[in-house]
Amino acid sequence: MLLIGGAFQRKESWGRCEDVFLKSMDVFTVDPPGWGAADPLPETYGVDFLADAICHMLDECGARQVNVLAGSYGSAIAYEIARRYPDRVGRVVLVGTMTAIPDHAQAAMRRTLEYLAAGHMETYAHATVDLLMTPERLADIPNGTRVRKLLLRRIVNLSEAEAHQMYTNTLRLLTHQALDTSQPPRAPVLTVTGEYDSFTTPELCRQMAEACTDSWYAEIRDADHMLILERTAETADLINRFLAGKPLDGLPYCRSVERVSPAITPATEPICMI
C-alpha cells in the first residue's frame, strides 16, 4: 500500500496506523516534492506533477500496482494518480477529501498564510488547528485534546524550511484547488470523513464519492478531520476491510457507510501486496 500524508505529516509520521497495515501488507510511504525531506517545489506545480513524481518513485522501487491511502492534502494527489495511471492502482482510500475548496475554507486558509508570512507562529498554529479540528467538539472526540496539543506544538515549532514548505503547499492548494472530475478514476474508491469534520465536511467528502465511478462513502463516529490520529484502530480496520473487498455494513464505529456509485465496468480485484 502507498501512503500519502496530509499537511504537517512526513513519511515517518504514520506511526501506529502504519504498524497496523504492516501486519497484512507491504507499505510504501513517500514525501512528495515540496514536503518533508523532499526538495522545495514552487506552487505553480500542481497535483498532476506530484502524481507523476510519485509514480516515478514507484517505478524506481519496482512497484507495478498498489493500493493507495491518502489523507487531506495527499488525497488530491492520490485521486490524480488513480485518474492518470489507472493500471497502477488497485483500490483507493481518500480520508478527509473534497473535489474543490469551498469559499469559507479558502478565506480561512488565506488568513493563516498572512499569519505565517508575518512570523506570528502562535496565531498561525491556533488558526490552522481551529480549521482542521472542531474546537467545540473536542470533548466528544477520543484523544481530541491530546491531538490538538500535539498539532499546536508541531506547528509552533516548524523550522524555517518547514514553514516555507507549508506556505508554498497551501498556496498550491489555493492555486490548483479544483480536481478534474470529467474523467474520474476507474479504481474502487472509498472516501472517509469524521462526523464532526468542519473542513472536509461529510457533504464535501460524499461529493467526492459521487464524482468517482465506483465508490463508497463512510462517516466515522466521534471524529473530525484528524480521524487517523483520533480513531486510529477504527479507521485502519475500515481501510483494511475495504482493501480486502470485505463488507462494510454494520460497523459500530461508523455513523454511516454508503455505496455511492456502482461500477460501470467490473471492479478491480483487491490487492494486498506491492
Protein backbone atom coordinates (compact mmCIF):
# COMPACT_ATOMS: atom_id res chain seq x y z
CA MET A 1 0.00 0.00 0.00
CA LEU A 2 1.16 3.51 -0.87
CA LEU A 3 0.63 6.10 1.90
CA ILE A 4 0.46 9.81 1.02
CA GLY A 5 0.14 12.08 4.03
CA GLY A 6 -1.54 15.38 4.69
CA ALA A 7 -0.21 18.73 5.85
CA PHE A 8 2.37 18.54 8.67
CA GLN A 9 2.75 14.80 8.02
CA ARG A 10 6.14 13.50 6.96
CA LYS A 11 6.58 9.99 5.61
CA GLU A 12 7.86 8.88 9.03
CA SER A 13 4.79 10.12 10.92
CA TRP A 14 2.20 7.48 10.01
CA GLY A 15 3.16 5.74 13.27
CA ARG A 16 0.59 3.37 14.76
CA CYS A 17 -1.51 3.40 11.59
CA GLU A 18 1.42 2.13 9.53
CA ASP A 19 2.12 -0.57 12.11
CA VAL A 20 -1.42 -1.91 11.71
CA PHE A 21 -1.13 -2.13 7.92
CA LEU A 22 2.28 -3.81 8.08
CA LYS A 23 0.62 -6.84 9.64
CA SER A 24 -1.11 -7.66 6.36
CA MET A 25 0.71 -5.88 3.53
CA ASP A 26 3.87 -4.14 2.41
CA VAL A 27 3.78 -0.38 2.98
CA PHE A 28 5.40 2.35 0.86
CA THR A 29 5.47 5.87 2.33
CA VAL A 30 6.60 8.98 0.48
CA ASP A 31 7.42 12.63 0.91
CA PRO A 32 6.01 14.19 -2.28
CA PRO A 33 8.05 17.01 -3.87
CA GLY A 34 7.79 20.11 -1.71
CA TRP A 35 7.24 18.28 1.56
CA GLY A 36 9.23 16.52 4.30
CA ALA A 37 12.71 15.56 3.17
CA ALA A 38 11.95 16.32 -0.49
CA ASP A 39 13.27 19.32 -2.39
CA PRO A 40 11.23 22.57 -2.44
CA LEU A 41 8.55 22.84 -5.14
CA PRO A 42 7.09 26.16 -6.36
CA GLU A 43 3.32 26.48 -6.02
CA THR A 44 2.98 26.76 -9.81
CA TYR A 45 3.32 22.96 -9.98
CA GLY A 46 0.00 21.21 -9.44
CA VAL A 47 -1.16 17.77 -8.36
CA ASP A 48 -0.54 16.38 -11.86
CA PHE A 49 3.19 16.94 -11.36
CA LEU A 50 3.05 15.41 -7.88
CA ALA A 51 1.19 12.36 -9.20
CA ASP A 52 3.82 11.88 -11.92
CA ALA A 53 6.64 12.24 -9.40
CA ILE A 54 5.20 9.63 -7.03
CA CYS A 55 4.65 7.17 -9.88
CA HIS A 56 8.30 7.72 -10.80
CA MET A 57 9.20 6.73 -7.20
CA LEU A 58 7.10 3.56 -7.58
CA ASP A 59 8.92 2.76 -10.81
CA GLU A 60 12.28 3.18 -9.09
CA CYS A 61 11.18 0.67 -6.44
CA GLY A 62 9.68 -1.80 -8.90
CA ALA A 63 6.13 -1.44 -7.57
CA ARG A 64 3.86 -2.16 -10.54
CA GLN A 65 0.47 -1.83 -8.83
CA VAL A 66 -0.51 -0.51 -5.40
CA ASN A 67 -3.46 0.22 -3.21
CA VAL A 68 -3.39 3.90 -2.17
CA LEU A 69 -4.30 5.54 1.15
CA ALA A 70 -4.11 9.32 1.31
CA GLY A 71 -5.21 11.96 3.80
CA SER A 72 -6.28 15.57 3.27
CA TYR A 73 -3.56 17.34 1.20
CA GLY A 74 -2.44 13.95 -0.09
CA SER A 75 -5.91 12.91 -1.20
CA ALA A 76 -5.78 15.21 -4.24
CA ILE A 77 -2.51 13.58 -5.30
CA ALA A 78 -3.93 10.09 -4.81
CA TYR A 79 -7.03 10.95 -6.85
CA GLU A 80 -4.83 12.22 -9.67
CA ILE A 81 -2.62 9.10 -9.59
CA ALA A 82 -5.69 6.89 -9.89
CA ARG A 83 -7.08 9.05 -12.67
CA ARG A 84 -3.87 9.37 -14.71
CA TYR A 85 -2.48 5.87 -14.10
CA PRO A 86 -5.46 3.52 -13.83
CA ASP A 87 -3.35 0.38 -14.36
CA ARG A 88 -1.10 1.28 -11.43
CA VAL A 89 -3.85 1.38 -8.81
CA GLY A 90 -5.86 -1.41 -7.18
CA ARG A 91 -8.08 0.37 -4.65
CA VAL A 92 -8.05 3.91 -3.27
CA VAL A 93 -8.96 5.34 0.16
CA LEU A 94 -9.29 9.12 0.45
CA VAL A 95 -9.53 10.38 4.04
CA GLY A 96 -10.71 13.96 4.64
CA THR A 97 -11.12 14.85 0.98
CA MET A 98 -13.05 17.16 -1.35
CA THR A 99 -13.20 17.96 -5.06
CA ALA A 100 -12.68 21.71 -4.51
CA ILE A 101 -12.03 24.05 -1.58
CA PRO A 102 -15.22 25.94 -0.58
CA ASP A 103 -15.16 29.72 -0.26
CA HIS A 104 -15.23 29.81 3.55
CA ALA A 105 -12.22 27.48 3.77
CA GLN A 106 -10.32 29.47 1.14
CA ALA A 107 -10.75 32.65 3.18
CA ALA A 108 -9.59 30.91 6.37
CA MET A 109 -6.57 29.39 4.62
CA ARG A 110 -5.53 32.79 3.23
CA ARG A 111 -5.71 34.26 6.75
CA THR A 112 -3.38 31.55 8.03
CA LEU A 113 -0.91 32.45 5.27
CA GLU A 114 -0.93 36.06 6.45
CA TYR A 115 -0.04 34.94 9.99
CA LEU A 116 2.67 32.62 8.68
CA ALA A 117 4.21 35.29 6.43
CA ALA A 118 4.31 37.70 9.37
CA GLY A 119 6.04 35.09 11.56
CA HIS A 120 3.17 35.01 14.09
CA MET A 121 3.58 31.29 14.75
CA GLU A 122 1.32 31.03 17.81
CA THR A 123 -1.53 32.77 15.98
CA TYR A 124 -0.84 30.73 12.85
CA ALA A 125 -0.87 27.48 14.84
CA HIS A 126 -4.18 28.20 16.56
CA ALA A 127 -5.87 29.43 13.36
CA THR A 128 -4.67 26.35 11.46
CA VAL A 129 -5.69 23.84 14.12
CA ASP A 130 -9.09 25.52 14.50
CA LEU A 131 -9.53 24.97 10.75
CA LEU A 132 -8.59 21.29 10.97
CA MET A 133 -10.27 20.42 14.27
CA THR A 134 -13.69 21.48 15.54
CA PRO A 135 -12.98 23.24 18.89
CA GLU A 136 -16.48 22.81 20.33
CA ARG A 137 -16.38 19.05 19.68
CA LEU A 138 -13.10 18.24 21.45
CA ALA A 139 -14.88 16.66 24.40
CA ASP A 140 -16.77 14.32 22.05
CA ILE A 141 -13.66 13.04 20.27
CA PRO A 142 -11.40 10.34 21.73
CA ASN A 143 -7.89 11.80 22.06
CA GLY A 144 -9.21 15.12 20.74
CA THR A 145 -7.46 17.27 23.34
CA ARG A 146 -4.22 15.28 23.02
CA VAL A 147 -4.24 15.51 19.21
CA ARG A 148 -4.92 19.25 19.35
CA LYS A 149 -1.97 19.82 21.72
CA LEU A 150 0.25 17.66 19.51
CA LEU A 151 -0.65 19.68 16.40
CA LEU A 152 -0.20 23.04 18.13
CA ARG A 153 3.24 22.02 19.37
CA ARG A 154 4.22 20.69 15.95
CA ILE A 155 3.14 23.87 14.13
CA VAL A 156 4.59 26.37 16.59
CA ASN A 157 7.96 24.60 16.29
CA LEU A 158 8.10 24.44 12.50
CA SER A 159 11.60 25.05 11.21
CA GLU A 160 12.17 27.88 8.74
CA ALA A 161 12.32 25.34 5.89
CA GLU A 162 9.10 23.62 7.04
CA ALA A 163 7.31 26.96 7.35
CA HIS A 164 8.31 27.76 3.77
CA GLN A 165 7.05 24.35 2.67
CA MET A 166 3.75 24.90 4.44
CA TYR A 167 3.30 28.34 2.89
CA THR A 168 4.04 27.04 -0.61
CA ASN A 169 1.89 23.92 -0.28
CA THR A 170 -1.08 25.94 0.99
CA LEU A 171 -0.68 28.29 -1.97
CA ARG A 172 -0.57 25.22 -4.22
CA LEU A 173 -3.95 24.07 -2.88
CA LEU A 174 -5.44 27.52 -3.39
CA THR A 175 -3.96 27.90 -6.88
CA HIS A 176 -4.96 24.43 -8.13
CA GLN A 177 -7.99 23.97 -5.92
CA ALA A 178 -10.42 22.06 -8.18
CA LEU A 179 -9.81 18.47 -9.23
CA ASP A 180 -10.64 17.25 -12.71
CA THR A 181 -13.78 15.14 -12.29
CA SER A 182 -14.58 14.91 -16.01
CA GLN A 183 -12.68 11.61 -16.28
CA PRO A 184 -12.77 10.06 -12.80
CA PRO A 185 -10.66 7.10 -11.63
CA ARG A 186 -11.79 3.62 -12.65
CA ALA A 187 -10.49 2.03 -9.45
CA PRO A 188 -12.82 1.38 -6.50
CA VAL A 189 -12.66 4.41 -4.18
CA LEU A 190 -13.64 4.77 -0.52
CA THR A 191 -13.98 8.31 0.83
CA VAL A 192 -13.89 8.68 4.61
CA THR A 193 -14.57 11.57 6.96
CA GLY A 194 -15.32 12.17 10.63
CA GLU A 195 -18.87 13.08 11.55
CA TYR A 196 -17.71 16.40 13.09
CA ASP A 197 -15.30 17.41 10.30
CA SER A 198 -15.91 21.09 9.56
CA PHE A 199 -13.10 21.40 6.98
CA THR A 200 -13.64 18.48 4.59
CA THR A 201 -17.22 18.11 5.75
CA PRO A 202 -19.28 14.93 5.32
CA GLU A 203 -21.15 16.65 2.50
CA LEU A 204 -17.92 17.52 0.65
CA CYS A 205 -16.46 14.08 1.22
CA ARG A 206 -19.58 12.42 -0.11
CA GLN A 207 -19.46 14.69 -3.17
CA MET A 208 -16.02 13.28 -3.91
CA ALA A 209 -17.50 9.77 -3.82
CA GLU A 210 -20.25 10.91 -6.19
CA ALA A 211 -17.58 12.13 -8.63
CA CYS A 212 -15.99 8.66 -8.82
CA THR A 213 -17.12 5.77 -11.00
CA ASP A 214 -17.02 3.02 -8.37
CA SER A 215 -17.25 4.38 -4.85
CA TRP A 216 -18.25 4.07 -1.21
CA TYR A 217 -18.61 6.75 1.47
CA ALA A 218 -18.04 6.20 5.20
CA GLU A 219 -18.56 8.56 8.14
CA ILE A 220 -16.74 7.66 11.35
CA ARG A 221 -18.34 8.43 14.71
CA ASP A 222 -16.75 10.74 17.29
CA ALA A 223 -14.09 12.13 14.93
CA ASP A 224 -13.34 15.20 12.83
CA HIS A 225 -10.69 15.94 10.19
CA MET A 226 -7.86 14.30 12.18
CA LEU A 227 -9.63 10.93 12.42
CA ILE A 228 -6.49 8.94 11.56
CA LEU A 229 -4.95 10.23 14.80
CA GLU A 230 -8.19 10.36 16.79
CA ARG A 231 -9.56 6.89 15.93
CA THR A 232 -6.55 5.04 14.54
CA ALA A 233 -7.67 1.46 15.18
CA GLU A 234 -11.18 2.01 13.83
CA THR A 235 -10.01 3.89 10.73
CA ALA A 236 -7.38 1.23 9.98
CA ASP A 237 -9.95 -1.55 10.39
CA LEU A 238 -12.30 0.15 7.93
CA ILE A 239 -9.48 0.60 5.41
CA ASN A 240 -8.27 -2.99 5.75
CA ARG A 241 -11.82 -4.26 5.15
CA PHE A 242 -12.21 -2.14 2.04
CA LEU A 243 -8.85 -3.15 0.58
CA ALA A 244 -9.70 -6.81 1.13
CA GLY A 245 -13.10 -6.41 -0.53
CA LYS A 246 -14.99 -7.30 2.67
CA PRO A 247 -18.50 -5.99 3.51
CA LEU A 248 -18.54 -2.58 5.23
CA ASP A 249 -22.04 -2.72 6.68
CA GLY A 250 -22.79 -2.95 10.39
CA LEU A 251 -19.53 -1.43 11.66
CA PRO A 252 -20.20 0.05 15.13
CA TYR A 253 -17.67 2.88 14.74
CA CYS A 254 -19.32 4.20 11.57
CA ARG A 255 -22.30 6.51 11.66
CA SER A 256 -22.99 5.58 8.06
CA VAL A 257 -21.49 3.57 5.21
CA GLU A 258 -22.97 4.00 1.76
CA ARG A 259 -22.43 2.54 -1.68
CA VAL A 260 -22.50 5.76 -3.67
CA SER A 261 -21.57 5.00 -7.28
CA PRO A 262 -21.84 1.42 -8.58
CA ALA A 263 -19.17 0.30 -11.01
CA ILE A 264 -19.98 0.58 -14.71
CA THR A 265 -17.28 -1.97 -15.51
CA PRO A 266 -16.21 -4.90 -13.26
CA ALA A 267 -14.45 -3.64 -10.13
CA THR A 268 -10.71 -4.06 -9.85
CA GLU A 269 -9.78 -7.07 -7.73
CA PRO A 270 -8.43 -6.12 -4.30
CA ILE A 271 -4.70 -6.47 -3.89
CA CYS A 272 -2.85 -6.84 -0.61
CA MET A 273 0.83 -6.60 -1.51
CA ILE A 274 3.04 -4.44 -3.69
